[in-house]
């Protein structure tokens, strides 16, 4: 699978394990967005990584995602993900 055009949202991406996952995805060419409420994560784990970071919980993320993205694109992506299973 080519990761170059893949956009991935990682929840908990500022945790120790999450930040390593983010780094691995970036190394493979993915575009990564991270959401973390920093209850156990640390923003400094992401400082040297080229990611879009949103501090907050998942409920805030969903609102943000739908406010900033075209709903038709979101629906098409969800349909693609569900049919690939």
Protein backbone atom coordinates (compact mmCIF):
# COMPACT_ATOMS: atom_id res chain seq x y z
CA UNK A 1 0.00 0.00 0.00
CA UNK A 2 1.33 3.43 -0.92
CA UNK A 3 1.01 5.85 1.99
CA UNK A 4 1.89 9.02 0.05
CA UNK A 5 -1.67 10.26 -0.43
CA UNK A 6 -3.07 8.79 2.79
CA UNK A 7 -4.32 11.09 5.55
CA UNK A 8 -4.53 9.50 8.98
CA UNK A 9 -6.02 10.75 12.23
CA UNK A 10 -4.29 9.31 15.31
CA UNK A 11 -6.07 9.73 18.63
CA UNK A 12 -3.75 9.61 21.62
CA UNK A 13 -0.86 10.41 19.29
CA UNK A 14 1.03 12.45 21.90
CA UNK A 15 1.51 9.42 24.14
CA UNK A 16 4.78 7.50 24.14
CA UNK A 17 3.39 4.65 22.02
CA UNK A 18 1.14 6.92 19.95
CA UNK A 19 4.02 9.21 19.01
CA UNK A 20 6.04 6.22 17.79
CA UNK A 21 3.05 5.16 15.66
CA UNK A 22 2.84 8.70 14.26
CA UNK A 23 6.55 8.66 13.46
CA UNK A 24 6.25 5.31 11.68
CA UNK A 25 3.32 6.57 9.60
CA UNK A 26 5.24 9.72 8.64
CA UNK A 27 8.26 7.61 7.68
CA UNK A 28 5.98 5.75 5.26
CA UNK A 29 4.81 9.02 3.69
CA UNK A 30 1.38 9.43 5.31
CA UNK A 31 -0.03 12.82 6.24
CA UNK A 32 -0.86 12.62 9.94
CA UNK A 33 -3.22 14.58 12.18
CA UNK A 34 -2.96 14.00 15.92
CA UNK A 35 -5.61 14.51 18.57
CA UNK A 36 -4.72 14.16 22.23
CA UNK A 37 -6.13 15.67 25.41
CA UNK A 38 -2.67 15.33 27.00
CA UNK A 39 -4.07 13.52 30.02
CA UNK A 40 -1.18 11.07 29.75
CA UNK A 41 0.60 12.27 26.60
CA UNK A 42 3.15 15.02 26.12
CA UNK A 43 3.11 17.56 23.31
CA UNK A 44 6.94 17.52 23.24
CA UNK A 45 6.80 13.97 21.84
CA UNK A 46 5.52 15.59 18.62
CA UNK A 47 7.76 18.69 18.46
CA UNK A 48 10.11 17.39 15.78
CA UNK A 49 7.37 15.74 13.72
CA UNK A 50 5.49 17.30 10.79
CA UNK A 51 1.95 16.76 12.07
CA UNK A 52 -1.18 18.79 12.56
CA UNK A 53 -1.90 18.68 16.30
CA UNK A 54 -5.23 19.37 17.99
CA UNK A 55 -5.34 19.37 21.76
CA UNK A 56 -8.66 18.03 22.95
CA UNK A 57 -10.88 15.01 23.30
CA UNK A 58 -12.47 12.99 20.55
CA UNK A 59 -15.83 14.78 20.77
CA UNK A 60 -14.09 18.06 19.95
CA UNK A 61 -12.19 16.37 17.14
CA UNK A 62 -15.34 15.19 15.42
CA UNK A 63 -16.78 18.72 15.52
CA UNK A 64 -13.50 20.15 14.20
CA UNK A 65 -13.22 17.54 11.47
CA UNK A 66 -16.68 18.18 10.10
CA UNK A 67 -16.27 21.96 10.33
CA UNK A 68 -13.03 21.95 8.34
CA UNK A 69 -13.66 19.19 5.80
CA UNK A 70 -16.15 18.83 3.00
CA UNK A 71 -18.91 16.53 4.35
CA UNK A 72 -19.18 14.82 0.96
CA UNK A 73 -15.47 13.92 1.10
CA UNK A 74 -15.88 12.61 4.65
CA UNK A 75 -18.85 10.44 3.66
CA UNK A 76 -17.03 9.08 0.62
CA UNK A 77 -13.99 8.18 2.72
CA UNK A 78 -16.09 6.39 5.33
CA UNK A 79 -17.86 4.47 2.57
CA UNK A 80 -14.50 3.47 1.07
CA UNK A 81 -13.17 2.31 4.44
CA UNK A 82 -16.29 0.27 5.16
CA UNK A 83 -16.35 -1.41 1.76
CA UNK A 84 -12.65 -2.32 1.97
CA UNK A 85 -13.30 -4.59 4.98
